[in-house]
Amino acid sequence: MILTGLEISSMGENCYIVGCEETREVAVIDPGGNPRAIVNLLKENDFKAIYIINTHGHIDHIGGNKGVQDATGAKILIHPGDAKMLVNPASNFSYLFGNKVVSPPADQLLNEGDIIKIGNTVELEVIHTPGHSPGGICLKTGNIIFVGDTLFQGSIGRTDFPGGSYKQLIQMIKEKLLCYEDDVICYPGHGPATTIGFERKNNPFL
């Protein structure tokens, strides 16, 4: 499996590229900014981006959607709960930074339990984990979960934005993430990777 991570946003957002070694087809998860760097990495490694997957619709996770799609033709995928954020600067909070960012609209909407197939070898399972945002999702493949801003090393996503809910986020983490084995690796939207076991034992919110 191809797995590459980049910190490409001024807000320290992690972008991940995951895909199939055999076909070189990949998904770009959360291109929050600097689409040129992402596109250059794709070209340098002969990766073919077929999907852009947003774990949620905040500006620091969708800011590079247009640039990456324009360069690759990849389809944009997001949960319906956050789909409007793609095209609404007030909803995605880009207006707060004096830069009204609009992404192209979603090409495909994702729901709980959907399977995103990439090439011959990779399947991403969609796990709907609202709380940070209404349409927040995680993506599981094998022993790895891309957790977006649902869970961080030693912390959790903010819940004070419109559409957020602390109670709901904690419930989703406990029900839909802590059900996995301790050695499952979590790749968050910000900061370093962690494991389910580490968070189960050490995260003060849990």
N, C-alpha and C. Protein backbone atom coordinates (compact mmCIF):
# COMPACT_ATOMS: atom_id res chain seq x y z
N MET A 1 0.84 -1.20 0.00
CA MET A 1 0.00 0.00 0.00
C MET A 1 0.87 1.24 0.00
N ILE A 2 0.48 2.23 -0.79
CA ILE A 2 1.14 3.53 -0.78
C ILE A 2 0.57 4.35 0.37
N LEU A 3 1.44 4.95 1.18
CA LEU A 3 0.99 5.84 2.24
C LEU A 3 2.04 6.94 2.43
N THR A 4 1.64 8.16 2.14
CA THR A 4 2.53 9.31 2.29
C THR A 4 1.79 10.41 3.02
N GLY A 5 2.47 11.07 3.94
CA GLY A 5 1.86 12.18 4.67
C GLY A 5 2.61 13.47 4.42
N LEU A 6 1.87 14.58 4.35
CA LEU A 6 2.47 15.90 4.18
C LEU A 6 1.79 16.86 5.14
N GLU A 7 2.56 17.77 5.72
CA GLU A 7 1.96 18.88 6.45
C GLU A 7 2.01 20.07 5.49
N ILE A 8 0.83 20.45 4.95
CA ILE A 8 0.84 21.37 3.82
C ILE A 8 -0.01 22.62 4.02
N SER A 9 -0.54 22.81 5.20
CA SER A 9 -1.37 23.97 5.46
C SER A 9 -0.69 24.89 6.46
N SER A 10 -0.94 26.18 6.35
CA SER A 10 -0.39 27.13 7.32
C SER A 10 -0.92 26.86 8.71
N MET A 11 -2.01 26.10 8.81
CA MET A 11 -2.59 25.75 10.10
C MET A 11 -2.15 24.37 10.57
N GLY A 12 -1.11 23.84 9.92
CA GLY A 12 -0.55 22.57 10.35
C GLY A 12 -1.40 21.36 10.08
N GLU A 13 -2.19 21.42 9.05
CA GLU A 13 -3.08 20.30 8.72
C GLU A 13 -2.31 19.22 7.97
N ASN A 14 -2.56 17.98 8.31
CA ASN A 14 -1.92 16.85 7.65
C ASN A 14 -2.73 16.41 6.43
N CYS A 15 -2.05 16.27 5.31
CA CYS A 15 -2.64 15.69 4.10
C CYS A 15 -2.02 14.32 3.91
N TYR A 16 -2.83 13.36 3.54
CA TYR A 16 -2.33 12.00 3.33
C TYR A 16 -2.64 11.53 1.90
N ILE A 17 -1.71 10.79 1.35
CA ILE A 17 -1.90 10.16 0.05
C ILE A 17 -1.83 8.66 0.26
N VAL A 18 -2.91 7.96 -0.06
CA VAL A 18 -2.98 6.53 0.16
C VAL A 18 -3.47 5.86 -1.11
N GLY A 19 -2.88 4.71 -1.44
CA GLY A 19 -3.31 4.06 -2.67
C GLY A 19 -2.67 2.72 -2.93
N CYS A 20 -2.79 2.29 -4.16
CA CYS A 20 -2.45 0.94 -4.60
C CYS A 20 -1.07 0.93 -5.27
N GLU A 21 -0.17 0.09 -4.76
CA GLU A 21 1.17 -0.04 -5.33
C GLU A 21 1.12 -0.56 -6.77
N GLU A 22 0.17 -1.45 -7.04
CA GLU A 22 0.13 -2.09 -8.36
C GLU A 22 -0.27 -1.11 -9.46
N THR A 23 -1.32 -0.33 -9.21
CA THR A 23 -1.85 0.55 -10.25
C THR A 23 -1.36 1.98 -10.14
N ARG A 24 -0.78 2.33 -8.98
CA ARG A 24 -0.33 3.71 -8.66
C ARG A 24 -1.51 4.67 -8.53
N GLU A 25 -2.72 4.14 -8.44
CA GLU A 25 -3.89 4.98 -8.18
C GLU A 25 -3.95 5.32 -6.70
N VAL A 26 -4.27 6.59 -6.41
CA VAL A 26 -4.27 7.04 -5.02
C VAL A 26 -5.47 7.94 -4.74
N ALA A 27 -5.74 8.10 -3.44
CA ALA A 27 -6.67 9.12 -2.95
C ALA A 27 -5.86 10.15 -2.18
N VAL A 28 -6.21 11.41 -2.35
CA VAL A 28 -5.62 12.48 -1.57
C VAL A 28 -6.61 12.84 -0.46
N ILE A 29 -6.21 12.61 0.77
CA ILE A 29 -7.09 12.86 1.90
C ILE A 29 -6.77 14.23 2.51
N ASP A 30 -7.74 15.12 2.49
CA ASP A 30 -7.64 16.45 3.12
C ASP A 30 -6.52 17.33 2.57
N PRO A 31 -6.60 17.71 1.30
CA PRO A 31 -5.64 18.68 0.77
C PRO A 31 -5.98 20.09 1.24
N GLY A 32 -5.51 20.44 2.41
CA GLY A 32 -5.92 21.70 3.03
C GLY A 32 -5.29 22.94 2.43
N GLY A 33 -4.16 22.80 1.77
CA GLY A 33 -3.50 23.95 1.18
C GLY A 33 -2.33 23.49 0.32
N ASN A 34 -1.67 24.46 -0.32
CA ASN A 34 -0.50 24.20 -1.16
C ASN A 34 -0.71 23.07 -2.16
N PRO A 35 -1.71 23.20 -3.01
CA PRO A 35 -1.97 22.13 -3.98
C PRO A 35 -0.80 21.87 -4.91
N ARG A 36 0.03 22.89 -5.14
CA ARG A 36 1.19 22.70 -6.03
C ARG A 36 2.13 21.64 -5.47
N ALA A 37 2.37 21.68 -4.15
CA ALA A 37 3.25 20.69 -3.53
C ALA A 37 2.65 19.30 -3.64
N ILE A 38 1.34 19.21 -3.47
CA ILE A 38 0.69 17.90 -3.58
C ILE A 38 0.79 17.37 -5.00
N VAL A 39 0.48 18.22 -5.96
CA VAL A 39 0.52 17.80 -7.37
C VAL A 39 1.93 17.41 -7.77
N ASN A 40 2.93 18.17 -7.32
CA ASN A 40 4.32 17.83 -7.63
C ASN A 40 4.70 16.46 -7.07
N LEU A 41 4.26 16.17 -5.85
CA LEU A 41 4.55 14.87 -5.25
C LEU A 41 3.89 13.75 -6.05
N LEU A 42 2.66 13.99 -6.48
CA LEU A 42 1.98 12.99 -7.31
C LEU A 42 2.75 12.72 -8.59
N LYS A 43 3.20 13.78 -9.25
CA LYS A 43 3.93 13.62 -10.51
C LYS A 43 5.27 12.92 -10.30
N GLU A 44 5.98 13.33 -9.25
CA GLU A 44 7.31 12.77 -8.99
C GLU A 44 7.26 11.27 -8.73
N ASN A 45 6.15 10.80 -8.18
CA ASN A 45 6.02 9.38 -7.83
C ASN A 45 5.15 8.60 -8.80
N ASP A 46 4.73 9.25 -9.88
CA ASP A 46 3.87 8.61 -10.88
C ASP A 46 2.59 8.08 -10.24
N PHE A 47 2.03 8.88 -9.31
CA PHE A 47 0.75 8.55 -8.70
C PHE A 47 -0.38 9.15 -9.54
N LYS A 48 -1.46 8.41 -9.68
CA LYS A 48 -2.65 8.91 -10.36
C LYS A 48 -3.74 9.14 -9.34
N ALA A 49 -4.04 10.39 -9.03
CA ALA A 49 -5.09 10.70 -8.06
C ALA A 49 -6.46 10.51 -8.68
N ILE A 50 -7.24 9.60 -8.09
CA ILE A 50 -8.60 9.38 -8.60
C ILE A 50 -9.65 9.96 -7.67
N TYR A 51 -9.26 10.16 -6.39
CA TYR A 51 -10.19 10.74 -5.42
C TYR A 51 -9.51 11.80 -4.58
N ILE A 52 -10.28 12.81 -4.22
CA ILE A 52 -9.94 13.74 -3.15
C ILE A 52 -10.99 13.51 -2.08
N ILE A 53 -10.56 13.08 -0.90
CA ILE A 53 -11.51 12.76 0.17
C ILE A 53 -11.33 13.76 1.30
N ASN A 54 -12.40 14.44 1.64
CA ASN A 54 -12.38 15.38 2.76
C ASN A 54 -13.01 14.72 3.99
N THR A 55 -12.24 14.64 5.09
CA THR A 55 -12.79 14.05 6.31
C THR A 55 -13.84 14.97 6.93
N HIS A 56 -13.78 16.26 6.59
CA HIS A 56 -14.82 17.22 6.95
C HIS A 56 -14.61 18.49 6.14
N GLY A 57 -15.48 19.48 6.33
CA GLY A 57 -15.51 20.60 5.40
C GLY A 57 -14.86 21.89 5.84
N HIS A 58 -14.05 21.89 6.90
CA HIS A 58 -13.41 23.13 7.33
C HIS A 58 -12.30 23.53 6.37
N ILE A 59 -12.03 24.83 6.31
CA ILE A 59 -11.11 25.39 5.32
C ILE A 59 -9.75 24.72 5.31
N ASP A 60 -9.22 24.38 6.50
CA ASP A 60 -7.88 23.81 6.55
C ASP A 60 -7.83 22.38 6.04
N HIS A 61 -8.97 21.82 5.64
CA HIS A 61 -9.00 20.48 5.07
C HIS A 61 -9.48 20.45 3.62
N ILE A 62 -10.02 21.55 3.14
CA ILE A 62 -10.55 21.57 1.76
C ILE A 62 -9.88 22.63 0.89
N GLY A 63 -8.98 23.42 1.47
CA GLY A 63 -8.43 24.58 0.74
C GLY A 63 -7.70 24.25 -0.53
N GLY A 64 -7.16 23.03 -0.65
CA GLY A 64 -6.44 22.64 -1.86
C GLY A 64 -7.27 21.82 -2.83
N ASN A 65 -8.56 21.63 -2.54
CA ASN A 65 -9.40 20.79 -3.41
C ASN A 65 -9.35 21.22 -4.87
N LYS A 66 -9.57 22.51 -5.10
CA LYS A 66 -9.69 22.99 -6.48
C LYS A 66 -8.39 22.80 -7.25
N GLY A 67 -7.28 23.17 -6.62
CA GLY A 67 -6.00 23.04 -7.31
C GLY A 67 -5.65 21.61 -7.66
N VAL A 68 -5.92 20.70 -6.72
CA VAL A 68 -5.62 19.30 -6.97
C VAL A 68 -6.58 18.73 -8.02
N GLN A 69 -7.85 19.10 -7.94
CA GLN A 69 -8.79 18.59 -8.93
C GLN A 69 -8.49 19.13 -10.33
N ASP A 70 -8.17 20.41 -10.41
CA ASP A 70 -7.86 21.01 -11.71
C ASP A 70 -6.68 20.30 -12.37
N ALA A 71 -5.70 19.88 -11.56
CA ALA A 71 -4.49 19.26 -12.11
C ALA A 71 -4.65 17.78 -12.40
N THR A 72 -5.59 17.12 -11.71
CA THR A 72 -5.66 15.66 -11.80
C THR A 72 -6.99 15.12 -12.30
N GLY A 73 -8.05 15.89 -12.16
CA GLY A 73 -9.38 15.39 -12.51
C GLY A 73 -9.97 14.48 -11.46
N ALA A 74 -9.35 14.40 -10.28
CA ALA A 74 -9.85 13.52 -9.22
C ALA A 74 -11.23 13.96 -8.75
N LYS A 75 -12.04 12.98 -8.36
CA LYS A 75 -13.38 13.27 -7.85
C LYS A 75 -13.32 13.65 -6.37
N ILE A 76 -14.14 14.62 -5.98
CA ILE A 76 -14.20 15.08 -4.60
C ILE A 76 -15.29 14.32 -3.85
N LEU A 77 -14.91 13.74 -2.72
CA LEU A 77 -15.82 12.94 -1.91
C LEU A 77 -15.91 13.53 -0.50
N ILE A 78 -17.13 13.63 0.04
CA ILE A 78 -17.35 14.17 1.37
C ILE A 78 -18.70 13.66 1.89
N HIS A 79 -18.87 13.67 3.19
CA HIS A 79 -20.16 13.27 3.77
C HIS A 79 -21.20 14.36 3.49
N PRO A 80 -22.46 13.99 3.27
CA PRO A 80 -23.49 14.99 2.97
C PRO A 80 -23.66 16.03 4.08
N GLY A 81 -23.34 15.67 5.32
CA GLY A 81 -23.48 16.61 6.41
C GLY A 81 -22.58 17.83 6.30
N ASP A 82 -21.49 17.70 5.53
CA ASP A 82 -20.55 18.81 5.37
C ASP A 82 -20.45 19.28 3.92
N ALA A 83 -21.26 18.73 3.04
CA ALA A 83 -21.13 19.05 1.61
C ALA A 83 -21.28 20.53 1.31
N LYS A 84 -22.18 21.20 2.03
CA LYS A 84 -22.40 22.63 1.76
C LYS A 84 -21.18 23.47 2.11
N MET A 85 -20.34 22.98 3.01
CA MET A 85 -19.15 23.73 3.39
C MET A 85 -18.20 23.92 2.22
N LEU A 86 -18.21 23.00 1.28
CA LEU A 86 -17.32 23.11 0.14
C LEU A 86 -17.52 24.41 -0.63
N VAL A 87 -18.75 24.84 -0.72
CA VAL A 87 -19.08 25.98 -1.60
C VAL A 87 -19.55 27.21 -0.83
N ASN A 88 -19.43 27.18 0.50
CA ASN A 88 -19.92 28.28 1.32
C ASN A 88 -18.82 28.77 2.26
N PRO A 89 -18.19 29.92 1.97
CA PRO A 89 -17.10 30.42 2.82
C PRO A 89 -17.52 30.68 4.26
N ALA A 90 -18.79 30.97 4.49
CA ALA A 90 -19.25 31.17 5.87
C ALA A 90 -19.27 29.83 6.61
N SER A 91 -19.68 28.77 5.93
CA SER A 91 -19.76 27.45 6.57
C SER A 91 -18.39 26.82 6.77
N ASN A 92 -17.47 27.05 5.82
CA ASN A 92 -16.14 26.43 5.97
C ASN A 92 -15.16 27.30 6.75
N PHE A 93 -15.62 28.49 7.15
CA PHE A 93 -14.87 29.42 8.01
C PHE A 93 -13.71 30.13 7.33
N SER A 94 -13.60 30.01 6.01
CA SER A 94 -12.50 30.71 5.34
C SER A 94 -12.68 32.22 5.42
N TYR A 95 -13.92 32.69 5.54
CA TYR A 95 -14.16 34.13 5.62
C TYR A 95 -13.52 34.73 6.86
N LEU A 96 -13.32 33.93 7.90
CA LEU A 96 -12.71 34.42 9.12
C LEU A 96 -11.26 34.82 8.92
N PHE A 97 -10.64 34.27 7.88
CA PHE A 97 -9.23 34.55 7.59
C PHE A 97 -9.07 35.54 6.45
N GLY A 98 -10.19 36.18 6.06
CA GLY A 98 -10.14 37.18 5.01
C GLY A 98 -9.90 36.61 3.63
N ASN A 99 -10.16 35.33 3.46
CA ASN A 99 -9.92 34.67 2.17
C ASN A 99 -11.06 33.71 1.90
N LYS A 100 -12.04 34.16 1.15
CA LYS A 100 -13.23 33.35 0.92
C LYS A 100 -12.93 32.22 -0.07
N VAL A 101 -12.73 31.03 0.47
CA VAL A 101 -12.35 29.87 -0.33
C VAL A 101 -13.59 29.07 -0.70
N VAL A 102 -13.70 28.75 -1.97
CA VAL A 102 -14.78 27.90 -2.47
C VAL A 102 -14.16 26.72 -3.20
N SER A 103 -14.52 25.53 -2.78
CA SER A 103 -14.10 24.31 -3.46
C SER A 103 -15.11 23.97 -4.55
N PRO A 104 -14.72 23.21 -5.54
CA PRO A 104 -15.74 22.62 -6.41
C PRO A 104 -16.69 21.77 -5.57
N PRO A 105 -17.92 21.61 -6.00
CA PRO A 105 -18.86 20.78 -5.23
C PRO A 105 -18.47 19.32 -5.25
N ALA A 106 -19.07 18.55 -4.36
CA ALA A 106 -18.78 17.12 -4.27
C ALA A 106 -19.21 16.39 -5.53
N ASP A 107 -18.39 15.45 -5.95
CA ASP A 107 -18.76 14.55 -7.04
C ASP A 107 -19.47 13.31 -6.51
N GLN A 108 -19.21 13.00 -5.24
CA GLN A 108 -19.82 11.82 -4.64
C GLN A 108 -19.97 12.07 -3.13
N LEU A 109 -21.11 11.66 -2.58
CA LEU A 109 -21.36 11.80 -1.15
C LEU A 109 -21.13 10.46 -0.45
N LEU A 110 -20.51 10.53 0.72
CA LEU A 110 -20.13 9.34 1.46
C LEU A 110 -21.02 9.15 2.68
N ASN A 111 -21.35 7.92 2.97
CA ASN A 111 -22.16 7.61 4.14
C ASN A 111 -21.54 6.46 4.92
N GLU A 112 -21.99 6.32 6.16
CA GLU A 112 -21.52 5.26 7.04
C GLU A 112 -21.52 3.90 6.34
N GLY A 113 -20.36 3.23 6.40
CA GLY A 113 -20.25 1.90 5.84
C GLY A 113 -19.88 1.82 4.38
N ASP A 114 -19.85 2.96 3.69
CA ASP A 114 -19.42 2.95 2.29
C ASP A 114 -17.98 2.45 2.18
N ILE A 115 -17.67 1.80 1.08
CA ILE A 115 -16.31 1.32 0.80
C ILE A 115 -15.78 2.04 -0.44
N ILE A 116 -14.65 2.70 -0.28
CA ILE A 116 -14.01 3.40 -1.39
C ILE A 116 -12.87 2.52 -1.88
N LYS A 117 -12.97 2.04 -3.11
CA LYS A 117 -11.95 1.15 -3.66
C LYS A 117 -10.93 1.96 -4.45
N ILE A 118 -9.65 1.69 -4.19
CA ILE A 118 -8.56 2.39 -4.87
C ILE A 118 -7.65 1.35 -5.49
N GLY A 119 -7.61 1.31 -6.81
CA GLY A 119 -6.80 0.31 -7.49
C GLY A 119 -7.25 -1.10 -7.18
N ASN A 120 -6.28 -2.01 -7.11
CA ASN A 120 -6.59 -3.43 -6.91
C ASN A 120 -6.50 -3.87 -5.46
N THR A 121 -5.89 -3.06 -4.60
CA THR A 121 -5.51 -3.57 -3.28
C THR A 121 -6.02 -2.78 -2.08
N VAL A 122 -6.56 -1.60 -2.28
CA VAL A 122 -6.90 -0.75 -1.14
C VAL A 122 -8.40 -0.48 -1.09
N GLU A 123 -8.97 -0.65 0.09
CA GLU A 123 -10.35 -0.30 0.33
C GLU A 123 -10.42 0.54 1.59
N LEU A 124 -11.09 1.69 1.52
CA LEU A 124 -11.29 2.56 2.67
C LEU A 124 -12.74 2.46 3.11
N GLU A 125 -12.94 2.11 4.38
CA GLU A 125 -14.29 2.04 4.94
C GLU A 125 -14.63 3.37 5.60
N VAL A 126 -15.79 3.92 5.29
CA VAL A 126 -16.23 5.19 5.83
C VAL A 126 -16.89 4.98 7.20
N ILE A 127 -16.39 5.72 8.19
CA ILE A 127 -16.96 5.69 9.54
C ILE A 127 -17.43 7.10 9.85
N HIS A 128 -18.72 7.29 10.01
CA HIS A 128 -19.27 8.62 10.27
C HIS A 128 -19.10 8.94 11.76
N THR A 129 -18.35 10.01 12.05
CA THR A 129 -18.06 10.39 13.44
C THR A 129 -18.36 11.87 13.66
N PRO A 130 -19.61 12.27 13.63
CA PRO A 130 -19.95 13.68 13.86
C PRO A 130 -19.60 14.11 15.28
N GLY A 131 -19.47 15.42 15.44
CA GLY A 131 -19.13 15.98 16.74
C GLY A 131 -18.21 17.17 16.57
N HIS A 132 -17.15 16.98 15.77
CA HIS A 132 -16.32 18.13 15.37
C HIS A 132 -17.06 18.93 14.31
N SER A 133 -17.72 18.22 13.43
CA SER A 133 -18.61 18.80 12.42
C SER A 133 -19.69 17.77 12.13
N PRO A 134 -20.82 18.19 11.57
CA PRO A 134 -21.91 17.24 11.34
C PRO A 134 -21.55 16.09 10.41
N GLY A 135 -20.70 16.36 9.44
CA GLY A 135 -20.35 15.34 8.46
C GLY A 135 -18.96 14.78 8.61
N GLY A 136 -18.39 14.88 9.80
CA GLY A 136 -17.05 14.35 10.01
C GLY A 136 -17.00 12.85 9.81
N ILE A 137 -15.94 12.38 9.15
CA ILE A 137 -15.76 10.95 8.92
C ILE A 137 -14.33 10.53 9.25
N CYS A 138 -14.18 9.23 9.51
CA CYS A 138 -12.88 8.58 9.56
C CYS A 138 -12.85 7.54 8.45
N LEU A 139 -11.65 7.12 8.08
CA LEU A 139 -11.47 6.19 6.97
C LEU A 139 -10.55 5.06 7.42
N LYS A 140 -11.05 3.83 7.40
CA LYS A 140 -10.27 2.70 7.89
C LYS A 140 -9.84 1.78 6.75
N THR A 141 -8.58 1.39 6.78
CA THR A 141 -8.08 0.38 5.86
C THR A 141 -7.08 -0.48 6.62
N GLY A 142 -7.37 -1.77 6.70
CA GLY A 142 -6.49 -2.65 7.45
C GLY A 142 -6.31 -2.20 8.88
N ASN A 143 -5.06 -1.99 9.28
CA ASN A 143 -4.72 -1.63 10.65
C ASN A 143 -4.55 -0.13 10.83
N ILE A 144 -5.12 0.65 9.90
CA ILE A 144 -4.92 2.10 9.88
C ILE A 144 -6.27 2.80 9.83
N ILE A 145 -6.40 3.89 10.59
CA ILE A 145 -7.58 4.75 10.48
C ILE A 145 -7.12 6.19 10.30
N PHE A 146 -7.61 6.84 9.25
CA PHE A 146 -7.41 8.27 9.07
C PHE A 146 -8.55 8.95 9.82
N VAL A 147 -8.22 9.62 10.93
CA VAL A 147 -9.27 10.07 11.85
C VAL A 147 -9.64 11.54 11.71
N GLY A 148 -9.06 12.25 10.73
CA GLY A 148 -9.43 13.64 10.55
C GLY A 148 -9.24 14.43 11.83
N ASP A 149 -10.21 15.28 12.16
CA ASP A 149 -10.15 16.05 13.40
C ASP A 149 -11.05 15.46 14.48
N THR A 150 -11.35 14.18 14.36
CA THR A 150 -12.13 13.50 15.39
C THR A 150 -11.27 13.24 16.63
N LEU A 151 -10.06 12.75 16.41
CA LEU A 151 -9.19 12.32 17.50
C LEU A 151 -7.76 12.76 17.21
N PHE A 152 -7.07 13.26 18.23
CA PHE A 152 -5.66 13.63 18.13
C PHE A 152 -4.87 12.87 19.18
N GLN A 153 -3.56 12.90 19.05
CA GLN A 153 -2.72 12.32 20.09
C GLN A 153 -2.93 13.10 21.40
N GLY A 154 -3.56 12.46 22.36
CA GLY A 154 -3.79 13.08 23.65
C GLY A 154 -4.89 14.12 23.68
N SER A 155 -5.69 14.19 22.63
CA SER A 155 -6.73 15.22 22.59
C SER A 155 -7.85 14.79 21.64
N ILE A 156 -8.79 15.71 21.42
CA ILE A 156 -9.90 15.48 20.51
C ILE A 156 -10.13 16.74 19.69
N GLY A 157 -10.97 16.64 18.68
CA GLY A 157 -11.28 17.80 17.86
C GLY A 157 -12.09 18.84 18.61
N ARG A 158 -11.99 20.08 18.18
CA ARG A 158 -12.78 21.16 18.78
C ARG A 158 -14.27 20.91 18.55
N THR A 159 -15.06 21.35 19.50
CA THR A 159 -16.51 21.18 19.38
C THR A 159 -17.26 22.49 19.56
N ASP A 160 -16.52 23.60 19.56
CA ASP A 160 -17.16 24.90 19.79
C ASP A 160 -17.53 25.62 18.50
N PHE A 161 -17.28 25.01 17.37
CA PHE A 161 -17.72 25.58 16.10
C PHE A 161 -19.20 25.27 15.89
N PRO A 162 -19.89 26.06 15.05
CA PRO A 162 -21.27 25.73 14.72
C PRO A 162 -21.38 24.30 14.17
N GLY A 163 -22.33 23.56 14.66
CA GLY A 163 -22.49 22.18 14.23
C GLY A 163 -21.71 21.18 15.06
N GLY A 164 -20.90 21.67 15.99
CA GLY A 164 -20.12 20.79 16.84
C GLY A 164 -20.89 20.35 18.07
N SER A 165 -20.47 19.22 18.64
CA SER A 165 -21.10 18.71 19.86
C SER A 165 -20.09 17.88 20.63
N TYR A 166 -19.71 18.35 21.81
CA TYR A 166 -18.76 17.61 22.64
C TYR A 166 -19.31 16.23 23.01
N LYS A 167 -20.56 16.20 23.47
CA LYS A 167 -21.16 14.94 23.88
C LYS A 167 -21.18 13.93 22.74
N GLN A 168 -21.54 14.41 21.55
CA GLN A 168 -21.62 13.51 20.40
C GLN A 168 -20.24 13.02 19.98
N LEU A 169 -19.24 13.91 20.01
CA LEU A 169 -17.90 13.52 19.60
C LEU A 169 -17.33 12.45 20.52
N ILE A 170 -17.47 12.64 21.82
CA ILE A 170 -16.99 11.64 22.77
C ILE A 170 -17.69 10.30 22.55
N GLN A 171 -19.00 10.35 22.33
CA GLN A 171 -19.77 9.13 22.09
C GLN A 171 -19.26 8.41 20.84
N MET A 172 -19.01 9.17 19.77
CA MET A 172 -18.55 8.57 18.52
C MET A 172 -17.18 7.93 18.68
N ILE A 173 -16.28 8.61 19.38
CA ILE A 173 -14.94 8.05 19.59
C ILE A 173 -15.03 6.75 20.37
N LYS A 174 -15.81 6.76 21.44
CA LYS A 174 -15.91 5.56 22.27
C LYS A 174 -16.58 4.41 21.55
N GLU A 175 -17.63 4.72 20.77
CA GLU A 175 -18.39 3.66 20.11
C GLU A 175 -17.75 3.17 18.81
N LYS A 176 -17.14 4.10 18.06
CA LYS A 176 -16.73 3.75 16.70
C LYS A 176 -15.21 3.66 16.50
N LEU A 177 -14.42 4.12 17.47
CA LEU A 177 -12.97 4.03 17.34
C LEU A 177 -12.36 3.14 18.43
N LEU A 178 -12.77 3.34 19.68
CA LEU A 178 -12.19 2.55 20.75
C LEU A 178 -12.62 1.09 20.71
N CYS A 179 -13.50 0.74 19.80
CA CYS A 179 -13.89 -0.66 19.62
C CYS A 179 -12.79 -1.47 18.92
N TYR A 180 -11.79 -0.77 18.36
CA TYR A 180 -10.72 -1.48 17.63
C TYR A 180 -9.58 -1.86 18.56
N GLU A 181 -8.73 -2.74 18.08
CA GLU A 181 -7.60 -3.24 18.88
C GLU A 181 -6.60 -2.13 19.19
N ASP A 182 -5.82 -2.34 20.25
CA ASP A 182 -4.88 -1.33 20.71
C ASP A 182 -3.83 -0.96 19.66
N ASP A 183 -3.47 -1.90 18.79
CA ASP A 183 -2.38 -1.63 17.85
C ASP A 183 -2.82 -0.93 16.57
N VAL A 184 -4.10 -0.59 16.46
CA VAL A 184 -4.57 0.14 15.28
C VAL A 184 -3.99 1.54 15.29
N ILE A 185 -3.39 1.95 14.17
CA ILE A 185 -2.71 3.24 14.05
C ILE A 185 -3.69 4.29 13.58
N CYS A 186 -3.68 5.45 14.23
CA CYS A 186 -4.55 6.56 13.87
C CYS A 186 -3.71 7.71 13.29
N TYR A 187 -4.08 8.15 12.10
CA TYR A 187 -3.43 9.29 11.46
C TYR A 187 -4.40 10.48 11.51
N PRO A 188 -4.10 11.48 12.36
CA PRO A 188 -5.03 12.59 12.56
C PRO A 188 -4.83 13.74 11.58
N GLY A 189 -5.78 14.65 11.59
CA GLY A 189 -5.71 15.82 10.73
C GLY A 189 -4.67 16.83 11.14
N HIS A 190 -4.22 16.75 12.39
CA HIS A 190 -3.17 17.64 12.90
C HIS A 190 -2.31 16.85 13.88
N GLY A 191 -1.02 17.10 13.86
CA GLY A 191 -0.14 16.48 14.83
C GLY A 191 0.29 15.07 14.46
N PRO A 192 1.00 14.41 15.39
CA PRO A 192 1.59 13.10 15.10
C PRO A 192 0.57 11.96 15.14
N ALA A 193 0.97 10.85 14.55
CA ALA A 193 0.16 9.64 14.59
C ALA A 193 0.11 9.09 16.01
N THR A 194 -0.90 8.28 16.27
CA THR A 194 -1.06 7.67 17.58
C THR A 194 -1.67 6.28 17.38
N THR A 195 -2.02 5.63 18.47
CA THR A 195 -2.69 4.33 18.37
C THR A 195 -3.93 4.32 19.25
N ILE A 196 -4.82 3.41 18.94
CA ILE A 196 -6.02 3.27 19.75
C ILE A 196 -5.64 2.94 21.19
N GLY A 197 -4.66 2.07 21.38
CA GLY A 197 -4.25 1.69 22.72
C GLY A 197 -3.71 2.86 23.52
N PHE A 198 -2.89 3.70 22.87
CA PHE A 198 -2.34 4.86 23.58
C PHE A 198 -3.45 5.80 24.01
N GLU A 199 -4.39 6.06 23.12
CA GLU A 199 -5.48 6.98 23.45
C GLU A 199 -6.40 6.39 24.51
N ARG A 200 -6.64 5.10 24.44
CA ARG A 200 -7.50 4.46 25.43
C ARG A 200 -6.92 4.63 26.84
N LYS A 201 -5.61 4.59 26.95
CA LYS A 201 -4.95 4.65 28.25
C LYS A 201 -4.58 6.06 28.69
N ASN A 202 -4.33 6.95 27.73
CA ASN A 202 -3.71 8.23 28.07
C ASN A 202 -4.50 9.47 27.73
N ASN A 203 -5.51 9.36 26.87
CA ASN A 203 -6.22 10.57 26.45
C ASN A 203 -7.12 11.07 27.58
N PRO A 204 -6.88 12.28 28.10
CA PRO A 204 -7.65 12.76 29.25
C PRO A 204 -9.12 12.98 28.96
N PHE A 205 -9.50 13.09 27.69
CA PHE A 205 -10.90 13.30 27.34
C PHE A 205 -11.68 11.99 27.34
N LEU A 206 -10.96 10.87 27.35
CA LEU A 206 -11.62 9.58 27.22
C LEU A 206 -11.56 8.76 28.50
